[in-house]
């Protein structure tokens, strides 16, 4: 989880990723930053996130993003 927080902070250091639950909905992460995030996750964790999983509810919080990573790891 800390690796994910570091990635998020590198992309946009302005948010509190430990508590924020509206990263997409509130515009903290833009569409460009979301693409960058997905790329960084794939490089760091060695997983491929399917396009169907790249939806706001899966990326509104660090916890939700981490669940996606774990789910994709289990499926691969």
PDB file of N, CA and C in Angstrom:
ATOM      1  N   UNK A   1       0.822  -1.191   0.000  1.00  0.00           N
ATOM      2  CA  UNK A   1       0.000   0.000   0.000  1.00  0.00           C
ATOM      3  C   UNK A   1       0.869   1.259   0.000  1.00  0.00           C
ATOM      4  N   UNK A   2       1.978   1.217   0.695  1.00  0.00           N
ATOM      5  CA  UNK A   2       2.845   2.403   0.745  1.00  0.00           C
ATOM      6  C   UNK A   2       3.419   2.736  -0.628  1.00  0.00           C
ATOM      7  N   UNK A   3       3.728   1.696  -1.419  1.00  0.00           N
ATOM      8  CA  UNK A   3       4.211   1.952  -2.783  1.00  0.00           C
ATOM      9  C   UNK A   3       3.147   2.699  -3.591  1.00  0.00           C
ATOM     10  N   UNK A   4       1.904   2.300  -3.417  1.00  0.00           N
ATOM     11  CA  UNK A   4       0.808   2.966  -4.117  1.00  0.00           C
ATOM     12  C   UNK A   4       0.683   4.417  -3.671  1.00  0.00           C
ATOM     13  N   UNK A   5       0.758   4.662  -2.375  1.00  0.00           N
ATOM     14  CA  UNK A   5       0.681   6.031  -1.847  1.00  0.00           C
ATOM     15  C   UNK A   5       1.817   6.872  -2.431  1.00  0.00           C
ATOM     16  N   UNK A   6       3.011   6.309  -2.517  1.00  0.00           N
ATOM     17  CA  UNK A   6       4.147   7.034  -3.098  1.00  0.00           C
ATOM     18  C   UNK A   6       3.887   7.395  -4.556  1.00  0.00           C
ATOM     19  N   UNK A   7       3.319   6.464  -5.315  1.00  0.00           N
ATOM     20  CA  UNK A   7       2.986   6.741  -6.714  1.00  0.00           C
ATOM     21  C   UNK A   7       1.982   7.885  -6.789  1.00  0.00           C
ATOM     22  N   UNK A   8       0.944   7.813  -5.985  1.00  0.00           N
ATOM     23  CA  UNK A   8      -0.083   8.856  -5.979  1.00  0.00           C
ATOM     24  C   UNK A   8       0.505  10.210  -5.602  1.00  0.00           C
ATOM     25  N   UNK A   9       1.360  10.229  -4.589  1.00  0.00           N
ATOM     26  CA  UNK A   9       1.970  11.489  -4.153  1.00  0.00           C
ATOM     27  C   UNK A   9       2.903  12.061  -5.216  1.00  0.00           C
ATOM     28  N   UNK A  10       3.566  11.195  -5.973  1.00  0.00           N
ATOM     29  CA  UNK A  10       4.413  11.670  -7.074  1.00  0.00           C
ATOM     30  C   UNK A  10       3.572  12.311  -8.175  1.00  0.00           C
ATOM     31  N   UNK A  11       2.407  11.746  -8.425  1.00  0.00           N
ATOM     32  CA  UNK A  11       1.528  12.258  -9.471  1.00  0.00           C
ATOM     33  C   UNK A  11       0.869  13.562  -9.044  1.00  0.00           C
ATOM     34  N   UNK A  12       0.356  13.595  -7.806  1.00  0.00           N
ATOM     35  CA  UNK A  12      -0.309  14.794  -7.296  1.00  0.00           C
ATOM     36  C   UNK A  12      -0.110  14.847  -5.783  1.00  0.00           C
ATOM     37  N   UNK A  13       0.832  15.631  -5.311  1.00  0.00           N
ATOM     38  CA  UNK A  13       1.153  15.665  -3.884  1.00  0.00           C
ATOM     39  C   UNK A  13       0.156  16.435  -3.020  1.00  0.00           C
ATOM     40  N   UNK A  14      -0.877  17.000  -3.599  1.00  0.00           N
ATOM     41  CA  UNK A  14      -1.790  17.881  -2.873  1.00  0.00           C
ATOM     42  C   UNK A  14      -2.826  17.165  -2.011  1.00  0.00           C
ATOM     43  N   UNK A  15      -3.084  15.894  -2.232  1.00  0.00           N
ATOM     44  CA  UNK A  15      -4.176  15.194  -1.536  1.00  0.00           C
ATOM     45  C   UNK A  15      -3.661  14.353  -0.374  1.00  0.00           C
ATOM     46  N   UNK A  16      -4.569  14.086   0.558  1.00  0.00           N
ATOM     47  CA  UNK A  16      -4.288  13.150   1.644  1.00  0.00           C
ATOM     48  C   UNK A  16      -4.821  11.787   1.202  1.00  0.00           C
ATOM     49  N   UNK A  17      -3.974  10.988   0.639  1.00  0.00           N
ATOM     50  CA  UNK A  17      -4.387   9.723   0.046  1.00  0.00           C
ATOM     51  C   UNK A  17      -4.762   8.670   1.085  1.00  0.00           C
ATOM     52  N   UNK A  18      -4.425   8.906   2.335  1.00  0.00           N
ATOM     53  CA  UNK A  18      -4.800   7.964   3.387  1.00  0.00           C
ATOM     54  C   UNK A  18      -6.279   8.090   3.733  1.00  0.00           C
ATOM     55  N   UNK A  19      -6.883   9.265   3.499  1.00  0.00           N
ATOM     56  CA  UNK A  19      -8.272   9.470   3.904  1.00  0.00           C
ATOM     57  C   UNK A  19      -9.224   9.851   2.782  1.00  0.00           C
ATOM     58  N   UNK A  20      -8.728  10.369   1.685  1.00  0.00           N
ATOM     59  CA  UNK A  20      -9.594  10.865   0.609  1.00  0.00           C
ATOM     60  C   UNK A  20     -10.343   9.708  -0.053  1.00  0.00           C
ATOM     61  N   UNK A  21     -11.643   9.904  -0.257  1.00  0.00           N
ATOM     62  CA  UNK A  21     -12.479   8.880  -0.887  1.00  0.00           C
ATOM     63  C   UNK A  21     -13.171   9.405  -2.138  1.00  0.00           C
ATOM     64  N   UNK A  22     -12.646  10.497  -2.694  1.00  0.00           N
ATOM     65  CA  UNK A  22     -13.266  11.066  -3.897  1.00  0.00           C
ATOM     66  C   UNK A  22     -12.211  11.607  -4.860  1.00  0.00           C
ATOM     67  N   UNK A  23     -11.178  10.832  -5.076  1.00  0.00           N
ATOM     68  CA  UNK A  23     -10.065  11.273  -5.921  1.00  0.00           C
ATOM     69  C   UNK A  23     -10.518  11.621  -7.335  1.00  0.00           C
ATOM     70  N   UNK A  24     -11.383  10.819  -7.896  1.00  0.00           N
ATOM     71  CA  UNK A  24     -11.882  11.063  -9.247  1.00  0.00           C
ATOM     72  C   UNK A  24     -13.056  12.033  -9.202  1.00  0.00           C
ATOM     73  N   UNK A  25     -14.014  11.744  -8.335  1.00  0.00           N
ATOM     74  CA  UNK A  25     -15.241  12.547  -8.266  1.00  0.00           C
ATOM     75  C   UNK A  25     -14.979  14.016  -7.967  1.00  0.00           C
ATOM     76  N   UNK A  26     -13.961  14.294  -7.157  1.00  0.00           N
ATOM     77  CA  UNK A  26     -13.672  15.686  -6.800  1.00  0.00           C
ATOM     78  C   UNK A  26     -12.633  16.327  -7.729  1.00  0.00           C
ATOM     79  N   UNK A  27     -12.123  15.564  -8.684  1.00  0.00           N
ATOM     80  CA  UNK A  27     -11.173  16.116  -9.643  1.00  0.00           C
ATOM     81  C   UNK A  27      -9.740  16.184  -9.153  1.00  0.00           C
ATOM     82  N   UNK A  28      -9.445  15.538  -8.037  1.00  0.00           N
ATOM     83  CA  UNK A  28      -8.070  15.521  -7.540  1.00  0.00           C
ATOM     84  C   UNK A  28      -7.170  14.822  -8.557  1.00  0.00           C
ATOM     85  N   UNK A  29      -7.669  13.734  -9.133  1.00  0.00           N
ATOM     86  CA  UNK A  29      -6.955  13.057 -10.210  1.00  0.00           C
ATOM     87  C   UNK A  29      -7.681  13.326 -11.516  1.00  0.00           C
ATOM     88  N   UNK A  30      -6.981  13.927 -12.458  1.00  0.00           N
ATOM     89  CA  UNK A  30      -7.547  14.200 -13.777  1.00  0.00           C
ATOM     90  C   UNK A  30      -7.464  12.943 -14.636  1.00  0.00           C
ATOM     91  N   UNK A  31      -8.071  12.987 -15.794  1.00  0.00           N
ATOM     92  CA  UNK A  31      -8.022  11.824 -16.692  1.00  0.00           C
ATOM     93  C   UNK A  31      -6.579  11.532 -17.118  1.00  0.00           C
ATOM     94  N   UNK A  32      -5.804  12.583 -17.364  1.00  0.00           N
ATOM     95  CA  UNK A  32      -4.393  12.385 -17.713  1.00  0.00           C
ATOM     96  C   UNK A  32      -3.643  11.724 -16.553  1.00  0.00           C
ATOM     97  N   UNK A  33      -3.876  12.198 -15.335  1.00  0.00           N
ATOM     98  CA  UNK A  33      -3.210  11.615 -14.160  1.00  0.00           C
ATOM     99  C   UNK A  33      -3.661  10.182 -13.926  1.00  0.00           C
ATOM    100  N   UNK A  34      -4.910   9.877 -14.244  1.00  0.00           N
ATOM    101  CA  UNK A  34      -5.400   8.512 -14.099  1.00  0.00           C
ATOM    102  C   UNK A  34      -4.663   7.571 -15.051  1.00  0.00           C
ATOM    103  N   UNK A  35      -4.463   8.011 -16.276  1.00  0.00           N
ATOM    104  CA  UNK A  35      -3.703   7.202 -17.241  1.00  0.00           C
ATOM    105  C   UNK A  35      -2.278   6.997 -16.743  1.00  0.00           C
ATOM    106  N   UNK A  36      -1.668   8.061 -16.241  1.00  0.00           N
ATOM    107  CA  UNK A  36      -0.320   7.963 -15.684  1.00  0.00           C
ATOM    108  C   UNK A  36      -0.295   7.004 -14.492  1.00  0.00           C
ATOM    109  N   UNK A  37      -1.309   7.093 -13.633  1.00  0.00           N
ATOM    110  CA  UNK A  37      -1.399   6.214 -12.462  1.00  0.00           C
ATOM    111  C   UNK A  37      -1.488   4.756 -12.882  1.00  0.00           C
ATOM    112  N   UNK A  38      -2.351   4.459 -13.825  1.00  0.00           N
ATOM    113  CA  UNK A  38      -2.515   3.075 -14.284  1.00  0.00           C
ATOM    114  C   UNK A  38      -1.202   2.552 -14.863  1.00  0.00           C
ATOM    115  N   UNK A  39      -0.518   3.374 -15.629  1.00  0.00           N
ATOM    116  CA  UNK A  39       0.780   2.979 -16.193  1.00  0.00           C
ATOM    117  C   UNK A  39       1.797   2.704 -15.088  1.00  0.00           C
ATOM    118  N   UNK A  40       1.846   3.592 -14.101  1.00  0.00           N
ATOM    119  CA  UNK A  40       2.791   3.418 -12.978  1.00  0.00           C
ATOM    120  C   UNK A  40       2.460   2.156 -12.172  1.00  0.00           C
ATOM    121  N   UNK A  41       1.173   1.902 -11.956  1.00  0.00           N
ATOM    122  CA  UNK A  41       0.763   0.697 -11.228  1.00  0.00           C
ATOM    123  C   UNK A  41       1.199  -0.542 -11.997  1.00  0.00           C
ATOM    124  N   UNK A  42       0.969  -0.543 -13.306  1.00  0.00           N
ATOM    125  CA  UNK A  42       1.344  -1.697 -14.115  1.00  0.00           C
ATOM    126  C   UNK A  42       2.846  -1.921 -14.079  1.00  0.00           C
ATOM    127  N   UNK A  43       3.625  -0.850 -14.133  1.00  0.00           N
ATOM    128  CA  UNK A  43       5.090  -0.975 -14.088  1.00  0.00           C
ATOM    129  C   UNK A  43       5.573  -1.413 -12.707  1.00  0.00           C
ATOM    130  N   UNK A  44       5.023  -0.840 -11.657  1.00  0.00           N
ATOM    131  CA  UNK A  44       5.495  -1.112 -10.299  1.00  0.00           C
ATOM    132  C   UNK A  44       5.058  -2.472  -9.784  1.00  0.00           C
ATOM    133  N   UNK A  45       3.796  -2.816 -10.021  1.00  0.00           N
ATOM    134  CA  UNK A  45       3.245  -4.049  -9.464  1.00  0.00           C
ATOM    135  C   UNK A  45       3.245  -5.218 -10.445  1.00  0.00           C
ATOM    136  N   UNK A  46       3.592  -4.947 -11.702  1.00  0.00           N
ATOM    137  CA  UNK A  46       3.654  -6.012 -12.690  1.00  0.00           C
ATOM    138  C   UNK A  46       2.301  -6.604 -13.039  1.00  0.00           C
ATOM    139  N   UNK A  47       1.271  -5.786 -13.006  1.00  0.00           N
ATOM    140  CA  UNK A  47      -0.069  -6.243 -13.335  1.00  0.00           C
ATOM    141  C   UNK A  47      -0.624  -5.425 -14.496  1.00  0.00           C
ATOM    142  N   UNK A  48      -1.591  -5.987 -15.196  1.00  0.00           N
ATOM    143  CA  UNK A  48      -2.288  -5.267 -16.260  1.00  0.00           C
ATOM    144  C   UNK A  48      -3.719  -5.047 -15.802  1.00  0.00           C
ATOM    145  N   UNK A  49      -4.096  -3.800 -15.649  1.00  0.00           N
ATOM    146  CA  UNK A  49      -5.457  -3.476 -15.223  1.00  0.00           C
ATOM    147  C   UNK A  49      -6.336  -3.414 -16.468  1.00  0.00           C
ATOM    148  N   UNK A  50      -7.348  -4.284 -16.534  1.00  0.00           N
ATOM    149  CA  UNK A  50      -8.230  -4.285 -17.703  1.00  0.00           C
ATOM    150  C   UNK A  50      -8.997  -2.960 -17.813  1.00  0.00           C
ATOM    151  N   UNK A  51      -9.209  -2.487 -19.023  1.00  0.00           N
ATOM    152  CA  UNK A  51      -9.944  -1.226 -19.208  1.00  0.00           C
ATOM    153  C   UNK A  51     -11.300  -1.202 -18.500  1.00  0.00           C
ATOM    154  N   UNK A  52     -11.972  -2.338 -18.436  1.00  0.00           N
ATOM    155  CA  UNK A  52     -13.287  -2.393 -17.787  1.00  0.00           C
ATOM    156  C   UNK A  52     -13.214  -2.071 -16.295  1.00  0.00           C
ATOM    157  N   UNK A  53     -12.042  -2.217 -15.697  1.00  0.00           N
ATOM    158  CA  UNK A  53     -11.882  -1.929 -14.261  1.00  0.00           C
ATOM    159  C   UNK A  53     -11.510  -0.472 -14.009  1.00  0.00           C
ATOM    160  N   UNK A  54     -11.220   0.268 -15.058  1.00  0.00           N
ATOM    161  CA  UNK A  54     -10.816   1.665 -14.887  1.00  0.00           C
ATOM    162  C   UNK A  54     -12.072   2.529 -14.888  1.00  0.00           C
ATOM    163  N   UNK A  55     -12.747   2.491 -13.745  1.00  0.00           N
ATOM    164  CA  UNK A  55     -13.974   3.252 -13.526  1.00  0.00           C
ATOM    165  C   UNK A  55     -13.819   4.037 -12.223  1.00  0.00           C
ATOM    166  N   UNK A  56     -14.539   5.148 -12.071  1.00  0.00           N
ATOM    167  CA  UNK A  56     -14.354   6.006 -10.896  1.00  0.00           C
ATOM    168  C   UNK A  56     -14.427   5.278  -9.555  1.00  0.00           C
ATOM    169  N   UNK A  57     -15.384   4.385  -9.375  1.00  0.00           N
ATOM    170  CA  UNK A  57     -15.503   3.734  -8.073  1.00  0.00           C
ATOM    171  C   UNK A  57     -14.275   2.902  -7.705  1.00  0.00           C
ATOM    172  N   UNK A  58     -13.509   2.458  -8.706  1.00  0.00           N
ATOM    173  CA  UNK A  58     -12.283   1.701  -8.427  1.00  0.00           C
ATOM    174  C   UNK A  58     -11.071   2.591  -8.192  1.00  0.00           C
ATOM    175  N   UNK A  59     -11.215   3.897  -8.440  1.00  0.00           N
ATOM    176  CA  UNK A  59     -10.071   4.802  -8.332  1.00  0.00           C
ATOM    177  C   UNK A  59     -10.363   6.044  -7.491  1.00  0.00           C
ATOM    178  N   UNK A  60     -11.434   6.019  -6.696  1.00  0.00           N
ATOM    179  CA  UNK A  60     -11.777   7.175  -5.863  1.00  0.00           C
ATOM    180  C   UNK A  60     -10.984   7.242  -4.563  1.00  0.00           C
ATOM    181  N   UNK A  61     -10.352   6.146  -4.185  1.00  0.00           N
ATOM    182  CA  UNK A  61      -9.536   6.164  -2.964  1.00  0.00           C
ATOM    183  C   UNK A  61      -8.347   5.233  -3.141  1.00  0.00           C
ATOM    184  N   UNK A  62      -7.328   5.461  -2.346  1.00  0.00           N
ATOM    185  CA  UNK A  62      -6.147   4.592  -2.393  1.00  0.00           C
ATOM    186  C   UNK A  62      -6.539   3.167  -2.015  1.00  0.00           C
ATOM    187  N   UNK A  63      -7.451   3.028  -1.081  1.00  0.00           N
ATOM    188  CA  UNK A  63      -7.895   1.700  -0.652  1.00  0.00           C
ATOM    189  C   UNK A  63      -8.585   0.956  -1.798  1.00  0.00           C
ATOM    190  N   UNK A  64      -9.430   1.667  -2.550  1.00  0.00           N
ATOM    191  CA  UNK A  64     -10.119   1.047  -3.684  1.00  0.00           C
ATOM    192  C   UNK A  64      -9.115   0.654  -4.770  1.00  0.00           C
ATOM    193  N   UNK A  65      -8.162   1.527  -5.027  1.00  0.00           N
ATOM    194  CA  UNK A  65      -7.132   1.236  -6.026  1.00  0.00           C
ATOM    195  C   UNK A  65      -6.327   0.008  -5.612  1.00  0.00           C
ATOM    196  N   UNK A  66      -5.990  -0.067  -4.343  1.00  0.00           N
ATOM    197  CA  UNK A  66      -5.208  -1.189  -3.842  1.00  0.00           C
ATOM    198  C   UNK A  66      -5.996  -2.498  -3.973  1.00  0.00           C
ATOM    199  N   UNK A  67      -7.311  -2.432  -3.742  1.00  0.00           N
ATOM    200  CA  UNK A  67      -8.152  -3.625  -3.925  1.00  0.00           C
ATOM    201  C   UNK A  67      -8.120  -4.084  -5.384  1.00  0.00           C
ATOM    202  N   UNK A  68      -8.144  -3.138  -6.310  1.00  0.00           N
ATOM    203  CA  UNK A  68      -8.062  -3.477  -7.735  1.00  0.00           C
ATOM    204  C   UNK A  68      -6.738  -4.173  -8.031  1.00  0.00           C
ATOM    205  N   UNK A  69      -5.663  -3.623  -7.504  1.00  0.00           N
ATOM    206  CA  UNK A  69      -4.340  -4.227  -7.718  1.00  0.00           C
ATOM    207  C   UNK A  69      -4.321  -5.659  -7.214  1.00  0.00           C
ATOM    208  N   UNK A  70      -4.813  -5.872  -6.002  1.00  0.00           N
ATOM    209  CA  UNK A  70      -4.821  -7.217  -5.411  1.00  0.00           C
ATOM    210  C   UNK A  70      -5.708  -8.163  -6.207  1.00  0.00           C
ATOM    211  N   UNK A  71      -6.863  -7.671  -6.658  1.00  0.00           N
ATOM    212  CA  UNK A  71      -7.770  -8.508  -7.440  1.00  0.00           C
ATOM    213  C   UNK A  71      -7.120  -8.921  -8.758  1.00  0.00           C
ATOM    214  N   UNK A  72      -6.476  -7.969  -9.427  1.00  0.00           N
ATOM    215  CA  UNK A  72      -5.818  -8.272 -10.700  1.00  0.00           C
ATOM    216  C   UNK A  72      -4.656  -9.239 -10.479  1.00  0.00           C
ATOM    217  N   UNK A  73      -3.921  -9.069  -9.388  1.00  0.00           N
ATOM    218  CA  UNK A  73      -2.820 -10.001  -9.081  1.00  0.00           C
ATOM    219  C   UNK A  73      -3.345 -11.412  -8.915  1.00  0.00           C
ATOM    220  N   UNK A  74      -4.478 -11.553  -8.240  1.00  0.00           N
ATOM    221  CA  UNK A  74      -5.059 -12.882  -8.033  1.00  0.00           C
ATOM    222  C   UNK A  74      -5.533 -13.513  -9.337  1.00  0.00           C
ATOM    223  N   UNK A  75      -6.048 -12.665 -10.228  1.00  0.00           N
ATOM    224  CA  UNK A  75      -6.589 -13.156 -11.503  1.00  0.00           C
ATOM    225  C   UNK A  75      -5.504 -13.510 -12.511  1.00  0.00           C
ATOM    226  N   UNK A  76      -4.301 -12.978 -12.334  1.00  0.00           N
ATOM    227  CA  UNK A  76      -3.235 -13.227 -13.326  1.00  0.00           C
ATOM    228  C   UNK A  76      -2.426 -14.407 -12.972  1.00  0.00           C
TER     229      UNK A  76
END
